[in-house]
Amino acid sequence: MANLLTISGSPHIHGDQSIRKIMWGVVIALIPALLVSFWYFGIGAFIVTMMAVLSCVVTEFIVQKFILKEEPTISDGSAVITGLLLAMNVPGNLPWWMVVIGSIISIGVAKMSFGGLGKNPFNPALIGRVFLLISFPVAMTSWPLPFQNRWVFTDAITGPTALGVIKEGLGKGDSLDNLMTRIPSYAEMLIGNMGGSLGEVSALAILLGGLYMIIRRIITWHIPVSYILTVFIFAGILYLIDPSKFIDPVFHLLAGGLMLGAIFMATDMVTSPMSKTGMVVFGFGCGILTMLIRVWGAYPEGVSFAILIMNAFVPLINKGFKPAKFGEEVKHG
């Protein structure tokens, strides 16, 4: 008797969207941020992006074709997105072979070893990024300066990020007033005229992509808003307690990978909660952990670690905030 029921990996959402439509919609949403990174960092950003995308697609094809013995599904765009997001999480002068290693870890270990799309518990691009950060900390923290290296790849002029300047300066006892003179203005940070990974450079471009995804109903507002709002409130409370020791909340919104993480990484359908309440809890947890790491942790940035830690809590969040079954009586009190 032929099988009449086909079971596939979560998420199970009824609607006119398809995996291919969603994935390529995310690619379109990333275009503004990609163009900004190419403008500021030139050929280095382009090479890193192309290497990440190509190696992610090739890795998925090889694993599916020759190891899992499945029909390759690289045309659905999921491997392309992983490559783009990995590229957005690394410096624009990262050696090509490191990019390839990060791609193999992202696809081969973090995604395909769990069964492929819809089955991975952790965001693949972030796993690749954290692996590279731990394995090659010097290369992963050497940030190209905008406009200084547009036609240079490996021998790029580098400098610290705004988060790094503040973190290191406060650790040495420098005053915030003095440190503020050594970082870009908030207007420059908004449009992306600062050092950092490819996806950290323009909060405005990332917000435009996020707005596009919300309008197209690729994502909902729950995770980005709860994440960003939590960081803003947490940082605001610290700033009100001691403005000489803690920087204002606007800085935390514009600096580092907060916008990229909140809009493109934390909203991954596979590794985030299914219910709207669960999404808000998830975003709240990401915001708290991000600020704890930024303020008191060893790293100046905490977005990647915060999202991966909260990915591990997603099964519990789904269990605790799952919607009532159809026809089930909801108990109050």
C-alpha atoms as a PDB file:
ATOM      1  CA  MET A   1       0.000   0.000   0.000  1.00  0.00           C
ATOM      2  CA  ALA A   2       1.419   3.330  -1.043  1.00  0.00           C
ATOM      3  CA  ASN A   3       2.149   5.935   1.605  1.00  0.00           C
ATOM      4  CA  LEU A   4      -0.666   8.456   1.740  1.00  0.00           C
ATOM      5  CA  LEU A   5       0.977  10.726   4.305  1.00  0.00           C
ATOM      6  CA  THR A   6       4.240  12.581   3.793  1.00  0.00           C
ATOM      7  CA  ILE A   7       5.911  14.044   6.882  1.00  0.00           C
ATOM      8  CA  SER A   8       8.420  16.821   6.405  1.00  0.00           C
ATOM      9  CA  GLY A   9      10.458  18.962   8.745  1.00  0.00           C
ATOM     10  CA  SER A  10       9.024  21.975  10.552  1.00  0.00           C
ATOM     11  CA  PRO A  11       7.882  24.693  10.300  1.00  0.00           C
ATOM     12  CA  HIS A  12       4.435  23.720   8.996  1.00  0.00           C
ATOM     13  CA  ILE A  13       2.674  26.892   7.887  1.00  0.00           C
ATOM     14  CA  HIS A  14      -0.377  26.978   5.619  1.00  0.00           C
ATOM     15  CA  GLY A  15      -0.338  29.684   3.004  1.00  0.00           C
ATOM     16  CA  ASP A  16       0.684  30.639  -0.514  1.00  0.00           C
ATOM     17  CA  GLN A  17       4.350  30.956   0.439  1.00  0.00           C
ATOM     18  CA  SER A  18       6.881  28.315  -0.552  1.00  0.00           C
ATOM     19  CA  ILE A  19      10.421  27.644   0.617  1.00  0.00           C
ATOM     20  CA  ARG A  20      11.783  29.006  -2.638  1.00  0.00           C
ATOM     21  CA  LYS A  21       9.695  32.192  -2.472  1.00  0.00           C
ATOM     22  CA  ILE A  22      10.693  32.824   1.133  1.00  0.00           C
ATOM     23  CA  MET A  23      14.395  32.180   0.599  1.00  0.00           C
ATOM     24  CA  TRP A  24      14.726  34.318  -2.501  1.00  0.00           C
ATOM     25  CA  GLY A  25      12.666  36.993  -0.773  1.00  0.00           C
ATOM     26  CA  VAL A  26      15.300  37.095   1.972  1.00  0.00           C
ATOM     27  CA  VAL A  27      18.007  37.371  -0.695  1.00  0.00           C
ATOM     28  CA  ILE A  28      16.226  40.416  -2.131  1.00  0.00           C
ATOM     29  CA  ALA A  29      15.959  41.917   1.361  1.00  0.00           C
ATOM     30  CA  LEU A  30      19.730  41.542   1.812  1.00  0.00           C
ATOM     31  CA  ILE A  31      20.555  43.450  -1.380  1.00  0.00           C
ATOM     32  CA  PRO A  32      20.613  46.963   0.211  1.00  0.00           C
ATOM     33  CA  ALA A  33      23.064  45.844   2.907  1.00  0.00           C
ATOM     34  CA  LEU A  34      25.193  44.001   0.347  1.00  0.00           C
ATOM     35  CA  LEU A  35      25.387  47.046  -1.920  1.00  0.00           C
ATOM     36  CA  VAL A  36      26.419  49.240   1.014  1.00  0.00           C
ATOM     37  CA  SER A  37      29.143  46.777   2.025  1.00  0.00           C
ATOM     38  CA  PHE A  38      30.440  46.661  -1.565  1.00  0.00           C
ATOM     39  CA  TRP A  39      30.456  50.469  -1.662  1.00  0.00           C
ATOM     40  CA  TYR A  40      32.458  50.854   1.549  1.00  0.00           C
ATOM     41  CA  PHE A  41      34.760  47.829   1.303  1.00  0.00           C
ATOM     42  CA  GLY A  42      34.987  47.249  -2.438  1.00  0.00           C
ATOM     43  CA  ILE A  43      36.484  44.123  -3.958  1.00  0.00           C
ATOM     44  CA  GLY A  44      37.162  42.456  -0.610  1.00  0.00           C
ATOM     45  CA  ALA A  45      33.469  42.433   0.288  1.00  0.00           C
ATOM     46  CA  PHE A  46      32.563  41.090  -3.148  1.00  0.00           C
ATOM     47  CA  ILE A  47      35.138  38.273  -3.046  1.00  0.00           C
ATOM     48  CA  VAL A  48      34.150  37.194   0.475  1.00  0.00           C
ATOM     49  CA  THR A  49      30.457  37.173  -0.446  1.00  0.00           C
ATOM     50  CA  MET A  50      30.934  35.204  -3.662  1.00  0.00           C
ATOM     51  CA  MET A  51      33.256  32.673  -1.994  1.00  0.00           C
ATOM     52  CA  ALA A  52      30.824  32.138   0.891  1.00  0.00           C
ATOM     53  CA  VAL A  53      27.811  31.644  -1.385  1.00  0.00           C
ATOM     54  CA  LEU A  54      29.648  29.380  -3.841  1.00  0.00           C
ATOM     55  CA  SER A  55      31.220  27.183  -1.144  1.00  0.00           C
ATOM     56  CA  CYS A  56      27.912  26.852   0.736  1.00  0.00           C
ATOM     57  CA  VAL A  57      26.061  25.789  -2.428  1.00  0.00           C
ATOM     58  CA  VAL A  58      28.806  23.350  -3.455  1.00  0.00           C
ATOM     59  CA  THR A  59      29.009  21.849   0.049  1.00  0.00           C
ATOM     60  CA  GLU A  60      25.252  21.265   0.178  1.00  0.00           C
ATOM     61  CA  PHE A  61      25.267  19.733  -3.301  1.00  0.00           C
ATOM     62  CA  ILE A  62      28.111  17.331  -2.443  1.00  0.00           C
ATOM     63  CA  VAL A  63      26.565  16.259   0.866  1.00  0.00           C
ATOM     64  CA  GLN A  64      23.122  15.658  -0.636  1.00  0.00           C
ATOM     65  CA  LYS A  65      24.341  14.000  -3.832  1.00  0.00           C
ATOM     66  CA  PHE A  66      27.167  11.789  -2.606  1.00  0.00           C
ATOM     67  CA  ILE A  67      26.667  11.303   1.144  1.00  0.00           C
ATOM     68  CA  LEU A  68      22.917  11.425   1.785  1.00  0.00           C
ATOM     69  CA  LYS A  69      22.138  10.082  -1.696  1.00  0.00           C
ATOM     70  CA  GLU A  70      19.335  12.605  -2.130  1.00  0.00           C
ATOM     71  CA  GLU A  71      18.240  14.810  -4.982  1.00  0.00           C
ATOM     72  CA  PRO A  72      20.067  18.144  -4.472  1.00  0.00           C
ATOM     73  CA  THR A  73      17.816  21.040  -3.493  1.00  0.00           C
ATOM     74  CA  ILE A  74      20.265  23.905  -3.926  1.00  0.00           C
ATOM     75  CA  SER A  75      17.792  25.740  -6.156  1.00  0.00           C
ATOM     76  CA  ASP A  76      15.557  26.508  -3.163  1.00  0.00           C
ATOM     77  CA  GLY A  77      17.959  29.308  -2.148  1.00  0.00           C
ATOM     78  CA  SER A  78      18.581  28.182   1.433  1.00  0.00           C
ATOM     79  CA  ALA A  79      22.292  27.516   0.854  1.00  0.00           C
ATOM     80  CA  VAL A  80      22.611  30.885  -0.890  1.00  0.00           C
ATOM     81  CA  ILE A  81      21.123  32.601   2.173  1.00  0.00           C
ATOM     82  CA  THR A  82      23.486  30.782   4.515  1.00  0.00           C
ATOM     83  CA  GLY A  83      26.406  31.928   2.372  1.00  0.00           C
ATOM     84  CA  LEU A  84      25.205  35.525   2.270  1.00  0.00           C
ATOM     85  CA  LEU A  85      24.601  35.654   6.023  1.00  0.00           C
ATOM     86  CA  LEU A  86      27.977  34.065   6.761  1.00  0.00           C
ATOM     87  CA  ALA A  87      29.636  36.685   4.550  1.00  0.00           C
ATOM     88  CA  MET A  88      27.743  39.423   6.371  1.00  0.00           C
ATOM     89  CA  ASN A  89      29.184  38.140   9.667  1.00  0.00           C
ATOM     90  CA  VAL A  90      32.883  38.248   8.743  1.00  0.00           C
ATOM     91  CA  PRO A  91      35.395  40.987   7.821  1.00  0.00           C
ATOM     92  CA  GLY A  92      35.700  41.930   4.171  1.00  0.00           C
ATOM     93  CA  ASN A  93      39.401  40.994   4.131  1.00  0.00           C
ATOM     94  CA  LEU A  94      39.030  37.462   5.526  1.00  0.00           C
ATOM     95  CA  PRO A  95      41.239  35.010   3.556  1.00  0.00           C
ATOM     96  CA  TRP A  96      39.258  32.983   1.030  1.00  0.00           C
ATOM     97  CA  TRP A  97      40.216  29.622   2.531  1.00  0.00           C
ATOM     98  CA  MET A  98      38.827  30.679   5.921  1.00  0.00           C
ATOM     99  CA  VAL A  99      35.585  31.639   4.207  1.00  0.00           C
ATOM    100  CA  VAL A 100      35.439  28.163   2.645  1.00  0.00           C
ATOM    101  CA  ILE A 101      36.057  26.490   6.016  1.00  0.00           C
ATOM    102  CA  GLY A 102      33.293  28.569   7.606  1.00  0.00           C
ATOM    103  CA  SER A 103      30.937  27.587   4.796  1.00  0.00           C
ATOM    104  CA  ILE A 104      31.695  23.895   5.202  1.00  0.00           C
ATOM    105  CA  ILE A 105      31.033  24.122   8.945  1.00  0.00           C
ATOM    106  CA  SER A 106      27.816  26.093   8.366  1.00  0.00           C
ATOM    107  CA  ILE A 107      26.364  23.690   5.790  1.00  0.00           C
ATOM    108  CA  GLY A 108      28.076  20.377   6.454  1.00  0.00           C
ATOM    109  CA  VAL A 109      28.032  20.431  10.245  1.00  0.00           C
ATOM    110  CA  ALA A 110      25.350  22.870  11.408  1.00  0.00           C
ATOM    111  CA  LYS A 111      22.750  22.052   8.739  1.00  0.00           C
ATOM    112  CA  MET A 112      23.194  18.814   6.793  1.00  0.00           C
ATOM    113  CA  SER A 113      24.413  16.683   9.715  1.00  0.00           C
ATOM    114  CA  PHE A 114      20.978  17.222  11.296  1.00  0.00           C
ATOM    115  CA  GLY A 115      19.141  16.213   8.132  1.00  0.00           C
ATOM    116  CA  GLY A 116      19.059  19.412   6.106  1.00  0.00           C
ATOM    117  CA  LEU A 117      16.630  22.302   5.817  1.00  0.00           C
ATOM    118  CA  GLY A 118      14.033  22.437   8.575  1.00  0.00           C
ATOM    119  CA  LYS A 119      15.874  20.112  10.948  1.00  0.00           C
ATOM    120  CA  ASN A 120      18.876  22.126  12.194  1.00  0.00           C
ATOM    121  CA  PRO A 121      18.476  23.415  15.781  1.00  0.00           C
ATOM    122  CA  PHE A 122      21.029  26.231  15.445  1.00  0.00           C
ATOM    123  CA  ASN A 123      21.430  28.987  12.874  1.00  0.00           C
ATOM    124  CA  PRO A 124      23.999  27.578  10.395  1.00  0.00           C
ATOM    125  CA  ALA A 125      25.616  30.901   9.467  1.00  0.00           C
ATOM    126  CA  LEU A 126      26.146  31.793  13.128  1.00  0.00           C
ATOM    127  CA  ILE A 127      27.690  28.390  13.841  1.00  0.00           C
ATOM    128  CA  GLY A 128      30.134  29.029  10.989  1.00  0.00           C
ATOM    129  CA  ARG A 129      30.856  32.526  12.252  1.00  0.00           C
ATOM    130  CA  VAL A 130      31.503  31.438  15.852  1.00  0.00           C
ATOM    131  CA  PHE A 131      33.694  28.560  14.643  1.00  0.00           C
ATOM    132  CA  LEU A 132      35.817  31.010  12.655  1.00  0.00           C
ATOM    133  CA  LEU A 133      35.973  33.458  15.577  1.00  0.00           C
ATOM    134  CA  ILE A 134      37.243  30.769  17.949  1.00  0.00           C
ATOM    135  CA  SER A 135      39.616  29.198  15.411  1.00  0.00           C
ATOM    136  CA  PHE A 136      41.011  32.356  13.790  1.00  0.00           C
ATOM    137  CA  PRO A 137      40.471  35.178  16.318  1.00  0.00           C
ATOM    138  CA  VAL A 138      43.044  37.562  14.817  1.00  0.00           C
ATOM    139  CA  ALA A 139      41.702  37.356  11.270  1.00  0.00           C
ATOM    140  CA  MET A 140      38.115  37.549  12.512  1.00  0.00           C
ATOM    141  CA  THR A 141      38.781  40.724  14.511  1.00  0.00           C
ATOM    142  CA  SER A 142      40.815  42.625  11.905  1.00  0.00           C
ATOM    143  CA  TRP A 143      38.253  45.044  10.527  1.00  0.00           C
ATOM    144  CA  PRO A 144      38.837  46.867   7.195  1.00  0.00           C
ATOM    145  CA  LEU A 145      38.269  50.617   7.270  1.00  0.00           C
ATOM    146  CA  PRO A 146      35.679  52.000   4.824  1.00  0.00           C
ATOM    147  CA  PHE A 147      36.973  53.581   1.594  1.00  0.00           C
ATOM    148  CA  GLN A 148      40.576  52.727   2.525  1.00  0.00           C
ATOM    149  CA  ASN A 149      40.678  49.287   0.929  1.00  0.00           C
ATOM    150  CA  ARG A 150      38.214  49.308  -1.938  1.00  0.00           C
ATOM    151  CA  TRP A 151      40.643  47.749  -4.450  1.00  0.00           C
ATOM    152  CA  VAL A 152      42.760  45.775  -1.969  1.00  0.00           C
ATOM    153  CA  PHE A 153      41.865  42.394  -0.484  1.00  0.00           C
ATOM    154  CA  THR A 154      44.387  40.728   1.834  1.00  0.00           C
ATOM    155  CA  ASP A 155      46.568  43.776   2.649  1.00  0.00           C
ATOM    156  CA  ALA A 156      43.708  45.978   3.789  1.00  0.00           C
ATOM    157  CA  ILE A 157      44.077  48.840   6.255  1.00  0.00           C
ATOM    158  CA  THR A 158      42.249  47.815   9.422  1.00  0.00           C
ATOM    159  CA  GLY A 159      40.993  49.403  12.637  1.00  0.00           C
ATOM    160  CA  PRO A 160      38.794  48.662  15.660  1.00  0.00           C
ATOM    161  CA  THR A 161      35.019  48.656  15.627  1.00  0.00           C
ATOM    162  CA  ALA A 162      33.035  51.189  17.644  1.00  0.00           C
ATOM    163  CA  LEU A 163      32.097  48.476  20.145  1.00  0.00           C
ATOM    164  CA  GLY A 164      35.740  47.477  20.429  1.00  0.00           C
ATOM    165  CA  VAL A 165      36.858  51.051  21.077  1.00  0.00           C
ATOM    166  CA  ILE A 166      34.331  51.494  23.881  1.00  0.00           C
ATOM    167  CA  LYS A 167      34.936  48.062  25.429  1.00  0.00           C
ATOM    168  CA  GLU A 168      38.723  48.337  25.410  1.00  0.00           C
ATOM    169  CA  GLY A 169      38.753  51.990  26.439  1.00  0.00           C
ATOM    170  CA  LEU A 170      36.485  51.506  29.439  1.00  0.00           C
ATOM    171  CA  GLY A 171      38.573  48.505  30.458  1.00  0.00           C
ATOM    172  CA  LYS A 172      41.643  50.755  30.539  1.00  0.00           C
ATOM    173  CA  GLY A 173      39.846  53.425  32.551  1.00  0.00           C
ATOM    174  CA  ASP A 174      39.307  55.968  29.751  1.00  0.00           C
ATOM    175  CA  SER A 175      36.325  58.291  30.057  1.00  0.00           C
ATOM    176  CA  LEU A 176      33.319  57.895  27.801  1.00  0.00           C
ATOM    177  CA  ASP A 177      33.598  61.532  26.718  1.00  0.00           C
ATOM    178  CA  ASN A 178      37.091  60.865  25.412  1.00  0.00           C
ATOM    179  CA  LEU A 179      36.117  57.571  23.783  1.00  0.00           C
ATOM    180  CA  MET A 180      33.176  59.154  21.978  1.00  0.00           C
ATOM    181  CA  THR A 181      35.628  61.315  20.016  1.00  0.00           C
ATOM    182  CA  ARG A 182      37.281  58.163  18.656  1.00  0.00           C
ATOM    183  CA  ILE A 183      34.191  56.520  17.156  1.00  0.00           C
ATOM    184  CA  PRO A 184      32.044  57.506  14.148  1.00  0.00           C
ATOM    185  CA  SER A 185      29.073  59.797  14.683  1.00  0.00           C
ATOM    186  CA  TYR A 186      25.640  58.227  14.993  1.00  0.00           C
ATOM    187  CA  ALA A 187      24.746  59.535  11.542  1.00  0.00           C
ATOM    188  CA  GLU A 188      27.779  57.752  10.074  1.00  0.00           C
ATOM    189  CA  MET A 189      26.901  54.578  11.971  1.00  0.00           C
ATOM    190  CA  LEU A 190      23.344  54.739  10.613  1.00  0.00           C
ATOM    191  CA  ILE A 191      24.470  54.839   6.984  1.00  0.00           C
ATOM    192  CA  GLY A 192      27.423  52.509   7.553  1.00  0.00           C
ATOM    193  CA  ASN A 193      30.555  54.649   7.384  1.00  0.00           C
ATOM    194  CA  MET A 194      32.495  52.610   9.972  1.00  0.00           C
ATOM    195  CA  GLY A 195      34.620  49.503  10.348  1.00  0.00           C
ATOM    196  CA  GLY A 196      33.109  46.115  11.081  1.00  0.00           C
ATOM    197  CA  SER A 197      31.840  42.976   9.397  1.00  0.00           C
ATOM    198  CA  LEU A 198      29.966  43.351   6.121  1.00  0.00           C
ATOM    199  CA  GLY A 199      26.573  43.190   7.842  1.00  0.00           C
ATOM    200  CA  GLU A 200      27.415  45.626  10.624  1.00  0.00           C
ATOM    201  CA  VAL A 201      28.053  48.671   8.513  1.00  0.00           C
ATOM    202  CA  SER A 202      24.602  50.081   7.777  1.00  0.00           C
ATOM    203  CA  ALA A 203      21.696  49.875  10.182  1.00  0.00           C
ATOM    204  CA  LEU A 204      19.557  51.809   7.684  1.00  0.00           C
ATOM    205  CA  ALA A 205      20.115  49.312   4.852  1.00  0.00           C
ATOM    206  CA  ILE A 206      19.295  46.398   7.145  1.00  0.00           C
ATOM    207  CA  LEU A 207      16.146  48.126   8.393  1.00  0.00           C
ATOM    208  CA  LEU A 208      15.024  48.619   4.789  1.00  0.00           C
ATOM    209  CA  GLY A 209      15.485  44.905   4.179  1.00  0.00           C
ATOM    210  CA  GLY A 210      13.583  44.084   7.353  1.00  0.00           C
ATOM    211  CA  LEU A 211      10.699  46.334   6.343  1.00  0.00           C
ATOM    212  CA  TYR A 212      10.534  44.580   2.972  1.00  0.00           C
ATOM    213  CA  MET A 213      10.346  41.161   4.661  1.00  0.00           C
ATOM    214  CA  ILE A 214       7.596  42.290   7.042  1.00  0.00           C
ATOM    215  CA  ILE A 215       5.549  43.756   4.172  1.00  0.00           C
ATOM    216  CA  ARG A 216       6.003  40.537   2.186  1.00  0.00           C
ATOM    217  CA  ARG A 217       5.113  38.539   5.340  1.00  0.00           C
ATOM    218  CA  ILE A 218       8.364  36.625   5.203  1.00  0.00           C
ATOM    219  CA  ILE A 219       8.883  37.478   8.880  1.00  0.00           C
ATOM    220  CA  THR A 220       6.730  39.094  11.566  1.00  0.00           C
ATOM    221  CA  TRP A 221       7.627  42.038  13.777  1.00  0.00           C
ATOM    222  CA  HIS A 222       7.649  40.087  17.046  1.00  0.00           C
ATOM    223  CA  ILE A 223      11.281  38.953  17.252  1.00  0.00           C
ATOM    224  CA  PRO A 224      12.990  42.070  15.792  1.00  0.00           C
ATOM    225  CA  VAL A 225      10.926  44.518  17.858  1.00  0.00           C
ATOM    226  CA  SER A 226      11.182  42.576  21.131  1.00  0.00           C
ATOM    227  CA  TYR A 227      14.928  42.060  20.607  1.00  0.00           C
ATOM    228  CA  ILE A 228      15.722  45.672  19.727  1.00  0.00           C
ATOM    229  CA  LEU A 229      13.388  47.089  22.385  1.00  0.00           C
ATOM    230  CA  THR A 230      14.926  44.891  25.093  1.00  0.00           C
ATOM    231  CA  VAL A 231      18.429  46.080  24.202  1.00  0.00           C
ATOM    232  CA  PHE A 232      17.247  49.700  24.168  1.00  0.00           C
ATOM    233  CA  ILE A 233      15.558  49.443  27.582  1.00  0.00           C
ATOM    234  CA  PHE A 234      18.423  47.479  29.175  1.00  0.00           C
ATOM    235  CA  ALA A 235      21.029  49.935  27.870  1.00  0.00           C
ATOM    236  CA  GLY A 236      18.815  52.889  28.834  1.00  0.00           C
ATOM    237  CA  ILE A 237      18.526  51.698  32.434  1.00  0.00           C
ATOM    238  CA  LEU A 238      22.304  51.282  32.708  1.00  0.00           C
ATOM    239  CA  TYR A 239      22.840  54.720  31.152  1.00  0.00           C
ATOM    240  CA  LEU A 240      20.450  56.332  33.634  1.00  0.00           C
ATOM    241  CA  ILE A 241      22.228  54.613  36.526  1.00  0.00           C
ATOM    242  CA  ASP A 242      25.718  55.795  35.528  1.00  0.00           C
ATOM    243  CA  PRO A 243      26.181  57.733  32.244  1.00  0.00           C
ATOM    244  CA  SER A 244      29.915  57.996  32.922  1.00  0.00           C
ATOM    245  CA  LYS A 245      30.315  54.219  32.814  1.00  0.00           C
ATOM    246  CA  PHE A 246      27.602  53.013  30.423  1.00  0.00           C
ATOM    247  CA  ILE A 247      27.044  54.394  26.931  1.00  0.00           C
ATOM    248  CA  ASP A 248      23.585  55.510  25.753  1.00  0.00           C
ATOM    249  CA  PRO A 249      21.131  53.017  24.188  1.00  0.00           C
ATOM    250  CA  VAL A 250      21.212  54.564  20.698  1.00  0.00           C
ATOM    251  CA  PHE A 251      24.844  53.500  20.392  1.00  0.00           C
ATOM    252  CA  HIS A 252      23.947  49.884  21.144  1.00  0.00           C
ATOM    253  CA  LEU A 253      21.269  49.898  18.445  1.00  0.00           C
ATOM    254  CA  LEU A 254      23.562  51.260  15.740  1.00  0.00           C
ATOM    255  CA  ALA A 255      26.849  49.555  16.644  1.00  0.00           C
ATOM    256  CA  GLY A 256      27.840  45.976  15.941  1.00  0.00           C
ATOM    257  CA  GLY A 257      25.572  43.315  14.518  1.00  0.00           C
ATOM    258  CA  LEU A 258      22.406  44.025  16.485  1.00  0.00           C
ATOM    259  CA  MET A 259      20.261  45.026  13.512  1.00  0.00           C
ATOM    260  CA  LEU A 260      21.544  42.182  11.344  1.00  0.00           C
ATOM    261  CA  GLY A 261      21.031  39.693  14.149  1.00  0.00           C
ATOM    262  CA  ALA A 262      17.577  40.896  15.160  1.00  0.00           C
ATOM    263  CA  ILE A 263      16.184  41.118  11.633  1.00  0.00           C
ATOM    264  CA  PHE A 264      17.949  38.412   9.609  1.00  0.00           C
ATOM    265  CA  MET A 265      19.471  35.902  12.051  1.00  0.00           C
ATOM    266  CA  ALA A 266      17.075  35.613  14.992  1.00  0.00           C
ATOM    267  CA  THR A 267      14.032  35.432  12.697  1.00  0.00           C
ATOM    268  CA  ASP A 268      15.124  32.208  10.994  1.00  0.00           C
ATOM    269  CA  MET A 269      11.930  30.122  10.857  1.00  0.00           C
ATOM    270  CA  VAL A 270      13.651  26.832  11.653  1.00  0.00           C
ATOM    271  CA  THR A 271      15.566  27.981  14.735  1.00  0.00           C
ATOM    272  CA  SER A 272      13.038  30.410  16.254  1.00  0.00           C
ATOM    273  CA  PRO A 273       9.728  29.770  18.105  1.00  0.00           C
ATOM    274  CA  MET A 274       6.487  29.112  16.242  1.00  0.00           C
ATOM    275  CA  SER A 275       4.002  31.096  18.363  1.00  0.00           C
ATOM    276  CA  LYS A 276       3.896  34.888  18.542  1.00  0.00           C
ATOM    277  CA  THR A 277       4.220  34.840  22.334  1.00  0.00           C
ATOM    278  CA  GLY A 278       7.174  32.495  22.028  1.00  0.00           C
ATOM    279  CA  MET A 279       8.778  34.864  19.515  1.00  0.00           C
ATOM    280  CA  VAL A 280       8.518  37.760  21.970  1.00  0.00           C
ATOM    281  CA  VAL A 281      10.075  35.638  24.726  1.00  0.00           C
ATOM    282  CA  PHE A 282      12.822  34.591  22.316  1.00  0.00           C
ATOM    283  CA  GLY A 283      13.560  38.194  21.338  1.00  0.00           C
ATOM    284  CA  PHE A 284      13.568  39.257  24.984  1.00  0.00           C
ATOM    285  CA  GLY A 285      16.085  36.524  25.835  1.00  0.00           C
ATOM    286  CA  CYS A 286      18.312  37.483  22.903  1.00  0.00           C
ATOM    287  CA  GLY A 287      18.285  41.120  24.004  1.00  0.00           C
ATOM    288  CA  ILE A 288      19.150  40.337  27.622  1.00  0.00           C
ATOM    289  CA  LEU A 289      21.989  37.995  26.680  1.00  0.00           C
ATOM    290  CA  THR A 290      23.371  40.431  24.100  1.00  0.00           C
ATOM    291  CA  MET A 291      23.628  43.203  26.668  1.00  0.00           C
ATOM    292  CA  LEU A 292      25.077  40.940  29.369  1.00  0.00           C
ATOM    293  CA  ILE A 293      27.860  39.880  26.996  1.00  0.00           C
ATOM    294  CA  ARG A 294      28.461  43.384  25.620  1.00  0.00           C
ATOM    295  CA  VAL A 295      28.692  45.017  29.031  1.00  0.00           C
ATOM    296  CA  TRP A 296      30.256  42.338  31.237  1.00  0.00           C
ATOM    297  CA  GLY A 297      31.506  39.642  28.862  1.00  0.00           C
ATOM    298  CA  ALA A 298      34.963  39.125  27.380  1.00  0.00           C
ATOM    299  CA  TYR A 299      33.808  39.959  23.830  1.00  0.00           C
ATOM    300  CA  PRO A 300      32.675  43.449  22.797  1.00  0.00           C
ATOM    301  CA  GLU A 301      29.850  41.892  20.748  1.00  0.00           C
ATOM    302  CA  GLY A 302      27.291  39.368  21.976  1.00  0.00           C
ATOM    303  CA  VAL A 303      24.686  38.997  19.222  1.00  0.00           C
ATOM    304  CA  SER A 304      25.912  35.699  17.748  1.00  0.00           C
ATOM    305  CA  PHE A 305      26.303  33.981  21.107  1.00  0.00           C
ATOM    306  CA  ALA A 306      22.969  35.320  22.361  1.00  0.00           C
ATOM    307  CA  ILE A 307      21.023  33.994  19.362  1.00  0.00           C
ATOM    308  CA  LEU A 308      22.719  30.580  19.460  1.00  0.00           C
ATOM    309  CA  ILE A 309      22.023  30.218  23.192  1.00  0.00           C
ATOM    310  CA  MET A 310      18.376  31.115  22.643  1.00  0.00           C
ATOM    311  CA  ASN A 311      18.218  28.650  19.703  1.00  0.00           C
ATOM    312  CA  ALA A 312      18.863  25.931  22.280  1.00  0.00           C
ATOM    313  CA  PHE A 313      15.844  27.091  24.297  1.00  0.00           C
ATOM    314  CA  VAL A 314      13.446  27.086  21.330  1.00  0.00           C
ATOM    315  CA  PRO A 315      12.043  23.565  22.018  1.00  0.00           C
ATOM    316  CA  LEU A 316      11.229  24.611  25.593  1.00  0.00           C
ATOM    317  CA  ILE A 317       9.711  27.891  24.430  1.00  0.00           C
ATOM    318  CA  ASN A 318       7.575  26.061  21.864  1.00  0.00           C
ATOM    319  CA  LYS A 319       6.394  23.638  24.525  1.00  0.00           C
ATOM    320  CA  GLY A 320       5.588  26.372  27.017  1.00  0.00           C
ATOM    321  CA  PHE A 321       3.857  28.729  24.602  1.00  0.00           C
ATOM    322  CA  LYS A 322       2.302  26.422  22.042  1.00  0.00           C
ATOM    323  CA  PRO A 323      -1.107  27.515  20.735  1.00  0.00           C
ATOM    324  CA  ALA A 324      -4.234  25.607  21.735  1.00  0.00           C
ATOM    325  CA  LYS A 325      -5.284  22.776  19.437  1.00  0.00           C
ATOM    326  CA  PHE A 326      -8.312  23.312  17.242  1.00  0.00           C
ATOM    327  CA  GLY A 327     -11.408  22.670  19.328  1.00  0.00           C
ATOM    328  CA  GLU A 328      -9.440  22.516  22.582  1.00  0.00           C
ATOM    329  CA  GLU A 329     -10.841  24.489  25.512  1.00  0.00           C
ATOM    330  CA  VAL A 330      -8.426  27.135  26.720  1.00  0.00           C
ATOM    331  CA  LYS A 331      -8.071  27.215  30.499  1.00  0.00           C
ATOM    332  CA  HIS A 332      -7.839  30.602  32.161  1.00  0.00           C
ATOM    333  CA  GLY A 333      -6.415  31.315  35.581  1.00  0.00           C
END
